[in-house]
Protein backbone atom coordinates (compact mmCIF):
# COMPACT_ATOMS: atom_id res chain seq x y z
CA UNK A 1 -27.62 -8.06 -13.29
CA UNK A 2 -24.56 -9.03 -15.30
CA UNK A 3 -22.16 -11.70 -14.05
CA UNK A 4 -19.50 -9.03 -14.50
CA UNK A 5 -20.95 -6.91 -11.69
CA UNK A 6 -18.90 -6.74 -8.51
CA UNK A 7 -21.13 -4.48 -6.38
CA UNK A 8 -24.84 -3.77 -6.73
CA UNK A 9 -27.04 -1.51 -4.59
CA UNK A 10 -30.82 -1.36 -5.05
CA UNK A 11 -32.72 1.39 -3.18
CA UNK A 12 -30.37 1.13 -0.21
CA UNK A 13 -30.82 3.27 2.88
CA UNK A 14 -28.40 3.45 5.80
CA UNK A 15 -28.63 5.03 9.24
CA UNK A 16 -27.05 4.81 12.66
CA UNK A 17 -29.21 4.15 15.73
CA UNK A 18 -32.56 5.83 15.08
CA UNK A 19 -31.23 8.97 13.45
CA UNK A 20 -31.82 10.36 9.98
CA UNK A 21 -30.64 8.26 7.05
CA UNK A 22 -27.06 8.94 6.07
CA UNK A 23 -27.71 7.42 2.65
CA UNK A 24 -31.13 7.20 0.97
CA UNK A 25 -32.37 5.30 -2.09
CA UNK A 26 -28.89 4.49 -3.35
CA UNK A 27 -28.88 2.34 -6.49
CA UNK A 28 -25.95 1.45 -8.78
CA UNK A 29 -23.97 -1.39 -10.33
CA UNK A 30 -20.17 -1.39 -10.42
CA UNK A 31 -18.50 -3.71 -12.90
CA UNK A 32 -15.68 -6.08 -11.99
CA UNK A 33 -12.32 -4.48 -12.75
CA UNK A 34 -13.54 -0.90 -12.38
CA UNK A 35 -11.62 1.89 -10.64
CA UNK A 36 -13.63 4.69 -9.04
CA UNK A 37 -12.86 7.62 -6.81
CA UNK A 38 -15.39 8.20 -4.03
CA UNK A 39 -15.83 11.86 -3.14
CA UNK A 40 -18.04 14.06 -0.98
CA UNK A 41 -17.89 16.46 1.95
CA UNK A 42 -16.91 15.25 5.42
CA UNK A 43 -19.87 13.44 6.92
CA UNK A 44 -21.59 12.98 3.55
CA UNK A 45 -21.53 9.19 3.85
CA UNK A 46 -18.41 8.03 2.00
CA UNK A 47 -17.18 5.83 4.83
CA UNK A 48 -20.71 4.51 5.37
CA UNK A 49 -20.85 3.45 1.72
CA UNK A 50 -17.56 1.58 2.06
CA UNK A 51 -18.74 -0.02 5.31
CA UNK A 52 -21.91 -1.21 3.58
CA UNK A 53 -19.89 -2.84 0.80
CA UNK A 54 -17.53 -4.51 3.26
CA UNK A 55 -20.47 -5.55 5.44
CA UNK A 56 -19.30 -3.65 8.50
CA UNK A 57 -22.71 -1.96 8.49
CA UNK A 58 -26.08 -3.33 7.40
CA UNK A 59 -28.60 -1.28 5.40
CA UNK A 60 -31.84 -0.27 7.05
CA UNK A 61 -33.59 -1.00 3.76
CA UNK A 62 -32.90 -1.99 0.19
CA UNK A 63 -30.71 -4.75 -1.17
CA UNK A 64 -26.95 -5.13 -1.58
CA UNK A 65 -25.30 -7.75 -3.77
CA UNK A 66 -21.58 -8.52 -3.72
CA UNK A 67 -20.24 -10.88 -6.40
CA UNK A 68 -23.87 -11.49 -7.39
CA UNK A 69 -24.94 -12.67 -3.93
CA UNK A 70 -27.54 -10.92 -1.80
CA UNK A 71 -25.86 -9.96 1.47
CA UNK A 72 -28.84 -8.77 3.55
CA UNK A 73 -29.50 -12.12 5.21
CA UNK A 74 -26.01 -13.56 5.17
CA UNK A 75 -24.80 -15.29 8.33
CA UNK A 76 -21.64 -14.18 10.09
CA UNK A 77 -19.73 -17.11 8.61
CA UNK A 78 -20.97 -16.31 5.10
CA UNK A 79 -19.88 -12.68 5.49
CA UNK A 80 -16.46 -13.79 6.75
CA UNK A 81 -16.07 -16.07 3.72
CA UNK A 82 -17.06 -13.27 1.36
CA UNK A 83 -14.55 -10.90 2.96
CA UNK A 84 -11.79 -13.35 2.03
CA UNK A 85 -12.19 -11.93 -1.48
CA UNK A 86 -12.14 -8.31 -0.32
CA UNK A 87 -9.69 -5.96 1.37
CA UNK A 88 -9.91 -2.53 2.95
CA UNK A 89 -7.20 0.11 3.46
CA UNK A 90 -7.69 2.92 5.97
CA UNK A 91 -6.11 6.36 6.26
CA UNK A 92 -4.79 5.54 9.73
CA UNK A 93 -2.92 2.41 8.51
CA UNK A 94 -4.44 0.08 11.18
CA UNK A 95 -1.17 -1.78 11.69
CA UNK A 96 -0.51 -3.85 14.80
CA UNK A 97 2.37 -2.25 16.66
CA UNK A 98 3.26 -5.41 18.61
CA UNK A 99 3.99 -7.22 15.33
CA UNK A 100 6.78 -6.76 12.82
CA UNK A 101 6.13 -5.51 9.30
CA UNK A 102 6.44 -9.12 8.09
CA UNK A 103 3.89 -10.41 10.60
CA UNK A 104 1.43 -7.59 9.81
CA UNK A 105 1.49 -8.49 6.13
CA UNK A 106 1.38 -12.23 6.86
CA UNK A 107 -1.66 -11.97 9.14
CA UNK A 108 -4.40 -12.44 6.49
CA UNK A 109 -2.64 -15.55 5.16
CA UNK A 110 -2.28 -17.04 8.63
CA UNK A 111 -5.97 -16.47 9.25
CA UNK A 112 -6.61 -18.46 6.06
CA UNK A 113 -4.42 -21.31 7.27
CA UNK A 114 -1.62 -21.22 4.68
CA UNK A 115 1.61 -22.99 5.50
CA UNK A 116 4.46 -20.88 6.88
CA UNK A 117 6.67 -21.81 3.93
CA UNK A 118 4.14 -20.37 1.45
CA UNK A 119 3.52 -17.36 3.69
CA UNK A 120 7.21 -16.52 3.81
CA UNK A 121 7.57 -16.61 0.02
CA UNK A 122 4.46 -14.51 -0.57
CA UNK A 123 5.24 -11.89 2.07
CA UNK A 124 8.79 -11.41 0.82
CA UNK A 125 7.55 -10.95 -2.76
CA UNK A 126 4.86 -8.44 -1.75
CA UNK A 127 7.27 -6.44 0.40
CA UNK A 128 9.67 -6.33 -2.55
CA UNK A 129 6.86 -5.04 -4.74
CA UNK A 130 6.02 -2.17 -2.38
CA UNK A 131 9.73 -1.43 -1.89
CA UNK A 132 9.91 -2.41 1.79
CA UNK A 133 11.69 -5.77 1.79
CA UNK A 134 14.52 -4.46 3.98
CA UNK A 135 12.01 -3.44 6.66
CA UNK A 136 10.48 -6.91 7.10
CA UNK A 137 11.72 -7.23 10.69
CA UNK A 138 11.04 -3.62 11.66
CA UNK A 139 8.31 -2.42 13.97
CA UNK A 140 5.74 -0.40 11.99
CA UNK A 141 6.10 2.51 14.44
CA UNK A 142 9.67 3.08 13.24
CA UNK A 143 8.54 3.70 9.65
CA UNK A 144 7.44 6.92 8.02
CA UNK A 145 3.78 7.56 7.28
CA UNK A 146 4.22 6.72 3.60
CA UNK A 147 6.01 3.49 4.46
CA UNK A 148 3.34 2.47 6.95
CA UNK A 149 0.65 3.07 4.34
CA UNK A 150 2.53 0.85 1.90
CA UNK A 151 2.64 -1.88 4.57
CA UNK A 152 -1.14 -1.65 4.88
CA UNK A 153 -1.45 -1.88 1.09
CA UNK A 154 0.87 -4.91 1.06
CA UNK A 155 -1.36 -6.58 3.65
CA UNK A 156 -4.38 -5.92 1.42
CA UNK A 157 -2.67 -7.03 -1.79
CA UNK A 158 -1.36 -10.32 -0.43
CA UNK A 159 -4.79 -11.95 -0.59
CA UNK A 160 -5.27 -10.83 -4.21
CA UNK A 161 -8.69 -9.35 -3.42
CA UNK A 162 -11.37 -9.09 -6.07
CA UNK A 163 -12.51 -5.83 -4.45
CA UNK A 164 -10.29 -3.28 -2.70
CA UNK A 165 -11.84 -0.44 -0.70
CA UNK A 166 -9.59 2.44 0.31
CA UNK A 167 -10.81 5.07 2.79
CA UNK A 168 -8.74 8.27 2.36
CA UNK A 169 -5.49 6.28 1.99
CA UNK A 170 -3.54 9.34 0.77
CA UNK A 171 -5.00 11.78 3.30
CA UNK A 172 -1.89 11.88 5.50
CA UNK A 173 0.67 11.64 2.71
CA UNK A 174 2.68 14.23 0.80
CA UNK A 175 2.34 14.46 -2.99
CA UNK A 176 5.25 12.13 -3.69
CA UNK A 177 3.98 9.34 -1.46
CA UNK A 178 0.39 9.87 -2.61
CA UNK A 179 1.56 9.44 -6.22
CA UNK A 180 3.51 6.32 -5.33
CA UNK A 181 0.50 4.83 -3.56
CA UNK A 182 -1.75 5.61 -6.53
CA UNK A 183 0.74 3.84 -8.81
CA UNK A 184 0.48 0.73 -6.62
CA UNK A 185 -3.31 0.79 -6.81
CA UNK A 186 -3.28 1.30 -10.58
CA UNK A 187 -0.89 -1.60 -11.10
CA UNK A 188 -3.11 -3.76 -8.90
CA UNK A 189 -6.20 -2.81 -10.91
CA UNK A 190 -4.50 -3.46 -14.26
CA UNK A 191 -2.74 -6.72 -13.40
CA UNK A 192 -5.11 -8.47 -11.02
CA UNK A 193 -8.31 -6.90 -12.36
CA UNK A 194 -9.16 -5.77 -8.86
CA UNK A 195 -12.23 -3.56 -8.49
CA UNK A 196 -11.07 -0.47 -6.58
CA UNK A 197 -13.15 2.21 -4.86
CA UNK A 198 -10.92 4.89 -3.37
CA UNK A 199 -12.40 7.59 -1.13
CA UNK A 200 -10.60 10.93 -1.26
CA UNK A 201 -11.03 14.63 -0.50
CA UNK A 202 -8.21 15.53 -2.88
CA UNK A 203 -9.42 17.35 -5.99
CA UNK A 204 -5.80 17.36 -7.16
CA UNK A 205 -5.70 13.56 -7.06
CA UNK A 206 -8.95 13.28 -9.01
CA UNK A 207 -7.80 15.83 -11.58
CA UNK A 208 -4.46 14.08 -12.05
CA UNK A 209 -5.83 10.55 -12.39
CA UNK A 210 -8.88 10.72 -14.63
CA UNK A 211 -10.92 7.92 -13.09
CA UNK A 212 -14.69 8.39 -12.84
CA UNK A 213 -16.11 9.57 -9.53
CA UNK A 214 -18.87 8.40 -7.24
CA UNK A 215 -20.08 11.59 -5.59
CA UNK A 216 -21.95 11.36 -2.26
CA UNK A 217 -24.13 14.41 -1.70
CA UNK A 218 -27.42 15.12 0.09
CA UNK A 219 -27.73 11.46 1.17
CA UNK A 220 -27.58 10.26 -2.45
CA UNK A 221 -24.88 9.22 -4.91
CA UNK A 222 -24.23 10.24 -8.50
CA UNK A 223 -21.65 9.09 -10.99
CA UNK A 224 -19.40 11.59 -12.76
CA UNK A 225 -17.69 10.21 -15.85
CA UNK A 226 -17.68 6.59 -16.98
CA UNK A 227 -20.48 4.06 -16.88
CA UNK A 228 -21.11 2.48 -13.47
CA UNK A 229 -21.88 -0.96 -14.85
CA UNK A 230 -18.71 -1.43 -16.87
CA UNK A 231 -15.00 -1.73 -16.04
CA UNK A 232 -12.88 1.37 -16.36
CA UNK A 233 -9.71 1.41 -18.43
CA UNK A 234 -6.68 2.74 -16.61
CA UNK A 235 -5.49 6.09 -18.02
CA UNK A 236 -2.74 5.73 -20.61
CA UNK A 237 -0.88 8.82 -19.41
CA UNK A 238 0.01 7.50 -15.96
CA UNK A 239 3.75 7.59 -16.68
CA UNK A 240 3.53 11.25 -17.63
CA UNK A 241 2.05 12.26 -14.29
CA UNK A 242 4.17 10.01 -12.07
CA UNK A 243 6.24 12.24 -9.77
CA UNK A 244 7.36 9.81 -7.11
CA UNK A 245 10.33 7.44 -7.14
CA UNK A 246 10.47 5.18 -10.19
CA UNK A 247 8.12 2.32 -9.24
CA UNK A 248 9.45 -1.20 -9.01
CA UNK A 249 6.78 -2.99 -11.00
CA UNK A 250 6.85 -6.52 -9.67
CA UNK A 251 3.21 -7.07 -10.49
CA UNK A 252 3.38 -9.33 -13.54
CA UNK A 253 6.03 -11.48 -11.91
CA UNK A 254 4.23 -11.27 -8.58
CA UNK A 255 0.92 -12.43 -10.04
CA UNK A 256 2.57 -15.48 -11.65
CA UNK A 257 4.52 -16.33 -8.52
CA UNK A 258 1.37 -16.05 -6.40
CA UNK A 259 -0.10 -18.79 -8.56
CA UNK A 260 3.08 -20.86 -8.50
CA UNK A 261 3.42 -20.61 -4.72
CA UNK A 262 -0.28 -21.27 -4.15
CA UNK A 263 -0.15 -24.43 -6.26
CA UNK A 264 3.08 -25.71 -4.71
């Protein structure tokens, strides 16, 4: 397996309790820096596949490697350390309603033990990038669905993950907010080189953004377009299909300032 491989499955099977396998004999390599849609009917196993990658579920057989490391026999501490390089975004936002927007985004950094001075600088920059700086002190419940989803993306971005998993993140959003969210993901993929796997039911989204697709069907997966083992180049016509508000692209500056703040 190449050192450039982010995720590798070899003959993986997955089931819950003692029932029939949800996924059977799944094998693939996904290169670092790739962007894939993950599609399939409800109940096909999309979420299970994401849970296997994030180590929220263990395979009943086969082997999974993340960043070149076999995960099957990892300890809880080893899994926790590996997750420090990964992030997951859910359709239902998963924000903590007893915390402000600022504190929701800051949470992963506090878990990692960063100083409050660094946390403040990073959170402010990320909230600027997603266009929510003025809502830093707000309760997430007071925000719209699109705004809450951007908060959850900000929380994922702030750790600069090598792998980002997104489970139907646009499912509850209108076209404008779905387009804006896709623009954020694309910028993240291009600037940070983040490997992104985005589960969606939206054929419109997949037709608009021409990323290759991992299709889950009949307990197996197949790849449609692209080569699973190599990174995927972001479409060059993104600006033509952008229908949301003009994005504030802080990413180049943000990436540099992340490094500057982290080294301070």
